[in-house]
Amino acid sequence: GDISNLRVGDWVVAIGNALGQGIRATEGIIS
């Protein structure tokens, strides 16, 4: 993507191997 187009408050999703227990997703915004 391009972070120059991101605004504070835009939705984003973090996806990864949290706690080593497999791939999972969490959502939030750009702070």
PDB file of all heavy atoms in Angstrom:
ATOM      1  N   GLY A   1       0.823  -1.186   0.000  1.00  0.00           N
ATOM      2  CA  GLY A   1       0.000   0.000   0.000  1.00  0.00           C
ATOM      3  C   GLY A   1       0.863   1.244   0.000  1.00  0.00           C
ATOM      4  O   GLY A   1       2.052   1.207  -0.326  1.00  0.00           O
ATOM      5  N   ASP A   2       0.294   2.349   0.391  1.00  0.00           N
ATOM      6  CA  ASP A   2       1.000   3.632   0.428  1.00  0.00           C
ATOM      7  C   ASP A   2       0.542   4.374   1.674  1.00  0.00           C
ATOM      8  O   ASP A   2      -0.627   4.765   1.778  1.00  0.00           O
ATOM      9  CB  ASP A   2       0.693   4.441  -0.827  1.00  0.00           C
ATOM     10  CG  ASP A   2       1.487   5.737  -0.895  1.00  0.00           C
ATOM     11  OD1 ASP A   2       2.221   6.046   0.084  1.00  0.00           O
ATOM     12  OD2 ASP A   2       1.381   6.445  -1.906  1.00  0.00           O
ATOM     13  N   ILE A   3       1.463   4.558   2.637  1.00  0.00           N
ATOM     14  CA  ILE A   3       1.044   5.189   3.891  1.00  0.00           C
ATOM     15  C   ILE A   3       0.789   6.682   3.734  1.00  0.00           C
ATOM     16  O   ILE A   3       0.175   7.298   4.612  1.00  0.00           O
ATOM     17  CB  ILE A   3       2.066   4.954   5.023  1.00  0.00           C
ATOM     18  CG1 ILE A   3       3.396   5.658   4.719  1.00  0.00           C
ATOM     19  CG2 ILE A   3       2.287   3.486   5.273  1.00  0.00           C
ATOM     20  CD1 ILE A   3       4.345   5.643   5.891  1.00  0.00           C
ATOM     21  N   SER A   4       1.230   7.269   2.627  1.00  0.00           N
ATOM     22  CA  SER A   4       0.948   8.696   2.438  1.00  0.00           C
ATOM     23  C   SER A   4      -0.550   8.940   2.272  1.00  0.00           C
ATOM     24  O   SER A   4      -1.039  10.049   2.478  1.00  0.00           O
ATOM     25  CB  SER A   4       1.711   9.231   1.222  1.00  0.00           C
ATOM     26  OG  SER A   4       1.282   8.590   0.033  1.00  0.00           O
ATOM     27  N   ASN A   5      -1.283   7.884   1.894  1.00  0.00           N
ATOM     28  CA  ASN A   5      -2.735   8.010   1.747  1.00  0.00           C
ATOM     29  C   ASN A   5      -3.485   7.672   3.025  1.00  0.00           C
ATOM     30  O   ASN A   5      -4.709   7.822   3.088  1.00  0.00           O
ATOM     31  CB  ASN A   5      -3.227   7.091   0.620  1.00  0.00           C
ATOM     32  CG  ASN A   5      -2.653   7.473  -0.730  1.00  0.00           C
ATOM     33  OD1 ASN A   5      -2.456   8.651  -1.009  1.00  0.00           O
ATOM     34  ND2 ASN A   5      -2.374   6.476  -1.566  1.00  0.00           N
ATOM     35  N   LEU A   6      -2.774   7.186   4.040  1.00  0.00           N
ATOM     36  CA  LEU A   6      -3.420   6.812   5.297  1.00  0.00           C
ATOM     37  C   LEU A   6      -3.738   8.049   6.128  1.00  0.00           C
ATOM     38  O   LEU A   6      -2.952   9.000   6.172  1.00  0.00           O
ATOM     39  CB  LEU A   6      -2.534   5.879   6.114  1.00  0.00           C
ATOM     40  CG  LEU A   6      -2.460   4.408   5.708  1.00  0.00           C
ATOM     41  CD1 LEU A   6      -1.537   3.672   6.655  1.00  0.00           C
ATOM     42  CD2 LEU A   6      -3.837   3.771   5.730  1.00  0.00           C
ATOM     43  N   ARG A   7      -4.872   8.005   6.803  1.00  0.00           N
ATOM     44  CA  ARG A   7      -5.239   9.072   7.727  1.00  0.00           C
ATOM     45  C   ARG A   7      -5.403   8.505   9.122  1.00  0.00           C
ATOM     46  O   ARG A   7      -5.715   7.320   9.293  1.00  0.00           O
ATOM     47  CB  ARG A   7      -6.547   9.727   7.293  1.00  0.00           C
ATOM     48  CG  ARG A   7      -6.529  10.366   5.921  1.00  0.00           C
ATOM     49  CD  ARG A   7      -7.905  10.876   5.562  1.00  0.00           C
ATOM     50  NE  ARG A   7      -8.890   9.796   5.575  1.00  0.00           N
ATOM     51  CZ  ARG A   7     -10.205  10.004   5.553  1.00  0.00           C
ATOM     52  NH1 ARG A   7     -10.690  11.236   5.553  1.00  0.00           N
ATOM     53  NH2 ARG A   7     -11.044   8.980   5.559  1.00  0.00           N
ATOM     54  N   VAL A   8      -5.180   9.330  10.114  1.00  0.00           N
ATOM     55  CA  VAL A   8      -5.455   8.916  11.491  1.00  0.00           C
ATOM     56  C   VAL A   8      -6.942   8.603  11.599  1.00  0.00           C
ATOM     57  O   VAL A   8      -7.793   9.411  11.216  1.00  0.00           O
ATOM     58  CB  VAL A   8      -5.058  10.027  12.490  1.00  0.00           C
ATOM     59  CG1 VAL A   8      -5.533   9.679  13.899  1.00  0.00           C
ATOM     60  CG2 VAL A   8      -3.551  10.234  12.481  1.00  0.00           C
ATOM     61  N   GLY A   9      -7.241   7.408  12.081  1.00  0.00           N
ATOM     62  CA  GLY A   9      -8.622   6.956  12.168  1.00  0.00           C
ATOM     63  C   GLY A   9      -8.980   5.913  11.130  1.00  0.00           C
ATOM     64  O   GLY A   9     -10.034   5.272  11.236  1.00  0.00           O
ATOM     65  N   ASP A  10      -8.129   5.720  10.106  1.00  0.00           N
ATOM     66  CA  ASP A  10      -8.388   4.688   9.109  1.00  0.00           C
ATOM     67  C   ASP A  10      -8.276   3.301   9.737  1.00  0.00           C
ATOM     68  O   ASP A  10      -7.425   3.060  10.601  1.00  0.00           O
ATOM     69  CB  ASP A  10      -7.392   4.791   7.944  1.00  0.00           C
ATOM     70  CG  ASP A  10      -7.780   5.861   6.938  1.00  0.00           C
ATOM     71  OD1 ASP A  10      -8.929   6.334   6.997  1.00  0.00           O
ATOM     72  OD2 ASP A  10      -6.927   6.227   6.106  1.00  0.00           O
ATOM     73  N   TRP A  11      -9.124   2.367   9.244  1.00  0.00           N
ATOM     74  CA  TRP A  11      -9.095   0.999   9.736  1.00  0.00           C
ATOM     75  C   TRP A  11      -7.885   0.249   9.200  1.00  0.00           C
ATOM     76  O   TRP A  11      -7.505   0.404   8.032  1.00  0.00           O
ATOM     77  CB  TRP A  11     -10.367   0.254   9.309  1.00  0.00           C
ATOM     78  CG  TRP A  11     -11.594   0.655  10.048  1.00  0.00           C
ATOM     79  CD1 TRP A  11     -12.520   1.574   9.666  1.00  0.00           C
ATOM     80  CD2 TRP A  11     -12.024   0.148  11.316  1.00  0.00           C
ATOM     81  NE1 TRP A  11     -13.506   1.670  10.616  1.00  0.00           N
ATOM     82  CE2 TRP A  11     -13.245   0.811  11.635  1.00  0.00           C
ATOM     83  CE3 TRP A  11     -11.519  -0.801  12.196  1.00  0.00           C
ATOM     84  CZ2 TRP A  11     -13.945   0.553  12.807  1.00  0.00           C
ATOM     85  CZ3 TRP A  11     -12.222  -1.062  13.364  1.00  0.00           C
ATOM     86  CH2 TRP A  11     -13.406  -0.384  13.662  1.00  0.00           C
ATOM     87  N   VAL A  12      -7.285  -0.586  10.067  1.00  0.00           N
ATOM     88  CA  VAL A  12      -6.201  -1.473   9.666  1.00  0.00           C
ATOM     89  C   VAL A  12      -6.377  -2.810  10.388  1.00  0.00           C
ATOM     90  O   VAL A  12      -7.065  -2.895  11.408  1.00  0.00           O
ATOM     91  CB  VAL A  12      -4.804  -0.889   9.997  1.00  0.00           C
ATOM     92  CG1 VAL A  12      -4.435   0.235   9.059  1.00  0.00           C
ATOM     93  CG2 VAL A  12      -4.734  -0.429  11.450  1.00  0.00           C
ATOM     94  N   VAL A  13      -5.734  -3.848   9.845  1.00  0.00           N
ATOM     95  CA  VAL A  13      -5.809  -5.181  10.431  1.00  0.00           C
ATOM     96  C   VAL A  13      -4.389  -5.725  10.568  1.00  0.00           C
ATOM     97  O   VAL A  13      -3.595  -5.668   9.616  1.00  0.00           O
ATOM     98  CB  VAL A  13      -6.646  -6.141   9.564  1.00  0.00           C
ATOM     99  CG1 VAL A  13      -6.756  -7.515  10.221  1.00  0.00           C
ATOM    100  CG2 VAL A  13      -8.034  -5.560   9.314  1.00  0.00           C
ATOM    101  N   ALA A  14      -4.055  -6.222  11.766  1.00  0.00           N
ATOM    102  CA  ALA A  14      -2.751  -6.867  12.010  1.00  0.00           C
ATOM    103  C   ALA A  14      -2.979  -8.376  11.993  1.00  0.00           C
ATOM    104  O   ALA A  14      -3.847  -8.891  12.698  1.00  0.00           O
ATOM    105  CB  ALA A  14      -2.180  -6.428  13.354  1.00  0.00           C
ATOM    106  N   ILE A  15      -2.191  -9.073  11.183  1.00  0.00           N
ATOM    107  CA  ILE A  15      -2.322 -10.524  11.063  1.00  0.00           C
ATOM    108  C   ILE A  15      -0.959 -11.155  11.337  1.00  0.00           C
ATOM    109  O   ILE A  15       0.046 -10.751  10.746  1.00  0.00           O
ATOM    110  CB  ILE A  15      -2.830 -10.928   9.673  1.00  0.00           C
ATOM    111  CG1 ILE A  15      -4.155 -10.205   9.369  1.00  0.00           C
ATOM    112  CG2 ILE A  15      -3.015 -12.434   9.564  1.00  0.00           C
ATOM    113  CD1 ILE A  15      -4.738 -10.526   8.010  1.00  0.00           C
ATOM    114  N   GLY A  16      -0.940 -12.131  12.247  1.00  0.00           N
ATOM    115  CA  GLY A  16       0.334 -12.766  12.575  1.00  0.00           C
ATOM    116  C   GLY A  16       0.185 -13.935  13.525  1.00  0.00           C
ATOM    117  O   GLY A  16      -0.925 -14.264  13.973  1.00  0.00           O
ATOM    118  N   ASN A  17       1.333 -14.511  13.846  1.00  0.00           N
ATOM    119  CA  ASN A  17       1.421 -15.712  14.679  1.00  0.00           C
ATOM    120  C   ASN A  17       1.466 -15.319  16.154  1.00  0.00           C
ATOM    121  O   ASN A  17       2.459 -15.539  16.858  1.00  0.00           O
ATOM    122  CB  ASN A  17       2.672 -16.499  14.261  1.00  0.00           C
ATOM    123  CG  ASN A  17       2.846 -17.796  15.014  1.00  0.00           C
ATOM    124  OD1 ASN A  17       1.888 -18.391  15.494  1.00  0.00           O
ATOM    125  ND2 ASN A  17       4.100 -18.232  15.134  1.00  0.00           N
ATOM    126  N   ALA A  18       0.384 -14.711  16.628  1.00  0.00           N
ATOM    127  CA  ALA A  18       0.355 -14.178  17.997  1.00  0.00           C
ATOM    128  C   ALA A  18       0.575 -15.285  19.019  1.00  0.00           C
ATOM    129  O   ALA A  18      -0.081 -16.335  18.973  1.00  0.00           O
ATOM    130  CB  ALA A  18      -0.975 -13.484  18.254  1.00  0.00           C
ATOM    131  N   LEU A  19       1.520 -15.042  19.944  1.00  0.00           N
ATOM    132  CA  LEU A  19       1.846 -15.973  21.029  1.00  0.00           C
ATOM    133  C   LEU A  19       2.300 -17.341  20.512  1.00  0.00           C
ATOM    134  O   LEU A  19       2.317 -18.320  21.256  1.00  0.00           O
ATOM    135  CB  LEU A  19       0.652 -16.146  21.975  1.00  0.00           C
ATOM    136  CG  LEU A  19       0.092 -14.862  22.601  1.00  0.00           C
ATOM    137  CD1 LEU A  19      -1.120 -15.172  23.458  1.00  0.00           C
ATOM    138  CD2 LEU A  19       1.167 -14.141  23.400  1.00  0.00           C
ATOM    139  N   GLY A  20       2.643 -17.411  19.224  1.00  0.00           N
ATOM    140  CA  GLY A  20       3.091 -18.675  18.648  1.00  0.00           C
ATOM    141  C   GLY A  20       1.993 -19.708  18.547  1.00  0.00           C
ATOM    142  O   GLY A  20       2.270 -20.910  18.434  1.00  0.00           O
ATOM    143  N   GLN A  21       0.745 -19.268  18.554  1.00  0.00           N
ATOM    144  CA  GLN A  21      -0.394 -20.185  18.572  1.00  0.00           C
ATOM    145  C   GLN A  21      -1.146 -20.223  17.245  1.00  0.00           C
ATOM    146  O   GLN A  21      -2.298 -20.630  17.194  1.00  0.00           O
ATOM    147  CB  GLN A  21      -1.344 -19.814  19.712  1.00  0.00           C
ATOM    148  CG  GLN A  21      -0.718 -19.949  21.086  1.00  0.00           C
ATOM    149  CD  GLN A  21      -1.663 -19.573  22.208  1.00  0.00           C
ATOM    150  OE1 GLN A  21      -2.821 -19.239  21.965  1.00  0.00           O
ATOM    151  NE2 GLN A  21      -1.178 -19.628  23.439  1.00  0.00           N
ATOM    152  N   GLY A  22      -0.507 -19.792  16.182  1.00  0.00           N
ATOM    153  CA  GLY A  22      -1.153 -19.815  14.883  1.00  0.00           C
ATOM    154  C   GLY A  22      -1.559 -18.434  14.415  1.00  0.00           C
ATOM    155  O   GLY A  22      -1.601 -17.481  15.190  1.00  0.00           O
ATOM    156  N   ILE A  23      -1.849 -18.343  13.128  1.00  0.00           N
ATOM    157  CA  ILE A  23      -2.171 -17.053  12.522  1.00  0.00           C
ATOM    158  C   ILE A  23      -3.548 -16.583  12.978  1.00  0.00           C
ATOM    159  O   ILE A  23      -4.530 -17.307  12.888  1.00  0.00           O
ATOM    160  CB  ILE A  23      -2.145 -17.155  10.982  1.00  0.00           C
ATOM    161  CG1 ILE A  23      -0.792 -17.710  10.500  1.00  0.00           C
ATOM    162  CG2 ILE A  23      -2.406 -15.799  10.362  1.00  0.00           C
ATOM    163  CD1 ILE A  23       0.397 -16.891  10.925  1.00  0.00           C
ATOM    164  N   ARG A  24      -3.598 -15.355  13.458  1.00  0.00           N
ATOM    165  CA  ARG A  24      -4.852 -14.745  13.887  1.00  0.00           C
ATOM    166  C   ARG A  24      -4.836 -13.267  13.535  1.00  0.00           C
ATOM    167  O   ARG A  24      -3.788 -12.698  13.205  1.00  0.00           O
ATOM    168  CB  ARG A  24      -5.074 -14.943  15.385  1.00  0.00           C
ATOM    169  CG  ARG A  24      -3.993 -14.309  16.262  1.00  0.00           C
ATOM    170  CD  ARG A  24      -4.222 -14.636  17.728  1.00  0.00           C
ATOM    171  NE  ARG A  24      -4.051 -16.071  17.961  1.00  0.00           N
ATOM    172  CZ  ARG A  24      -4.319 -16.663  19.119  1.00  0.00           C
ATOM    173  NH1 ARG A  24      -4.786 -15.948  20.121  1.00  0.00           N
ATOM    174  NH2 ARG A  24      -4.129 -17.945  19.268  1.00  0.00           N
ATOM    175  N   ALA A  25      -6.006 -12.663  13.596  1.00  0.00           N
ATOM    176  CA  ALA A  25      -6.146 -11.270  13.172  1.00  0.00           C
ATOM    177  C   ALA A  25      -6.701 -10.407  14.290  1.00  0.00           C
ATOM    178  O   ALA A  25      -7.522 -10.851  15.090  1.00  0.00           O
ATOM    179  CB  ALA A  25      -7.066 -11.188  11.951  1.00  0.00           C
ATOM    180  N   THR A  26      -6.246  -9.161  14.337  1.00  0.00           N
ATOM    181  CA  THR A  26      -6.802  -8.149  15.241  1.00  0.00           C
ATOM    182  C   THR A  26      -7.005  -6.868  14.452  1.00  0.00           C
ATOM    183  O   THR A  26      -6.234  -6.562  13.539  1.00  0.00           O
ATOM    184  CB  THR A  26      -5.874  -7.869  16.446  1.00  0.00           C
ATOM    185  OG1 THR A  26      -4.573  -7.489  15.954  1.00  0.00           O
ATOM    186  CG2 THR A  26      -5.732  -9.097  17.327  1.00  0.00           C
ATOM    187  N   GLU A  27      -8.062  -6.146  14.789  1.00  0.00           N
ATOM    188  CA  GLU A  27      -8.371  -4.938  14.041  1.00  0.00           C
ATOM    189  C   GLU A  27      -8.149  -3.708  14.903  1.00  0.00           C
ATOM    190  O   GLU A  27      -8.136  -3.777  16.132  1.00  0.00           O
ATOM    191  CB  GLU A  27      -9.802  -4.991  13.514  1.00  0.00           C
ATOM    192  CG  GLU A  27     -10.831  -4.259  14.353  1.00  0.00           C
ATOM    193  CD  GLU A  27     -11.051  -4.915  15.723  1.00  0.00           C
ATOM    194  OE1 GLU A  27     -10.741  -6.115  15.862  1.00  0.00           O
ATOM    195  OE2 GLU A  27     -11.534  -4.241  16.643  1.00  0.00           O
ATOM    196  N   GLY A  28      -7.974  -2.574  14.261  1.00  0.00           N
ATOM    197  CA  GLY A  28      -7.812  -1.311  14.978  1.00  0.00           C
ATOM    198  C   GLY A  28      -7.801  -0.171  13.978  1.00  0.00           C
ATOM    199  O   GLY A  28      -8.194  -0.332  12.819  1.00  0.00           O
ATOM    200  N   ILE A  29      -7.331   0.965  14.432  1.00  0.00           N
ATOM    201  CA  ILE A  29      -7.235   2.137  13.561  1.00  0.00           C
ATOM    202  C   ILE A  29      -5.808   2.681  13.592  1.00  0.00           C
ATOM    203  O   ILE A  29      -4.984   2.283  14.420  1.00  0.00           O
ATOM    204  CB  ILE A  29      -8.214   3.247  13.999  1.00  0.00           C
ATOM    205  CG1 ILE A  29      -7.860   3.739  15.419  1.00  0.00           C
ATOM    206  CG2 ILE A  29      -9.650   2.785  13.911  1.00  0.00           C
ATOM    207  CD1 ILE A  29      -8.570   5.005  15.820  1.00  0.00           C
ATOM    208  N   ILE A  30      -5.523   3.570  12.676  1.00  0.00           N
ATOM    209  CA  ILE A  30      -4.271   4.310  12.713  1.00  0.00           C
ATOM    210  C   ILE A  30      -4.398   5.383  13.791  1.00  0.00           C
ATOM    211  O   ILE A  30      -5.284   6.231  13.728  1.00  0.00           O
ATOM    212  CB  ILE A  30      -3.972   4.962  11.353  1.00  0.00           C
ATOM    213  CG1 ILE A  30      -3.841   3.907  10.257  1.00  0.00           C
ATOM    214  CG2 ILE A  30      -2.705   5.821  11.438  1.00  0.00           C
ATOM    215  CD1 ILE A  30      -2.672   2.976  10.437  1.00  0.00           C
ATOM    216  N   SER A  31      -3.521   5.316  14.794  1.00  0.00           N
ATOM    217  CA  SER A  31      -3.581   6.285  15.893  1.00  0.00           C
ATOM    218  C   SER A  31      -2.662   7.479  15.650  1.00  0.00           C
ATOM    219  O   SER A  31      -3.015   8.619  15.969  1.00  0.00           O
ATOM    220  CB  SER A  31      -3.188   5.600  17.212  1.00  0.00           C
ATOM    221  OG  SER A  31      -4.015   4.499  17.472  1.00  0.00           O
TER     222      SER A  31
END
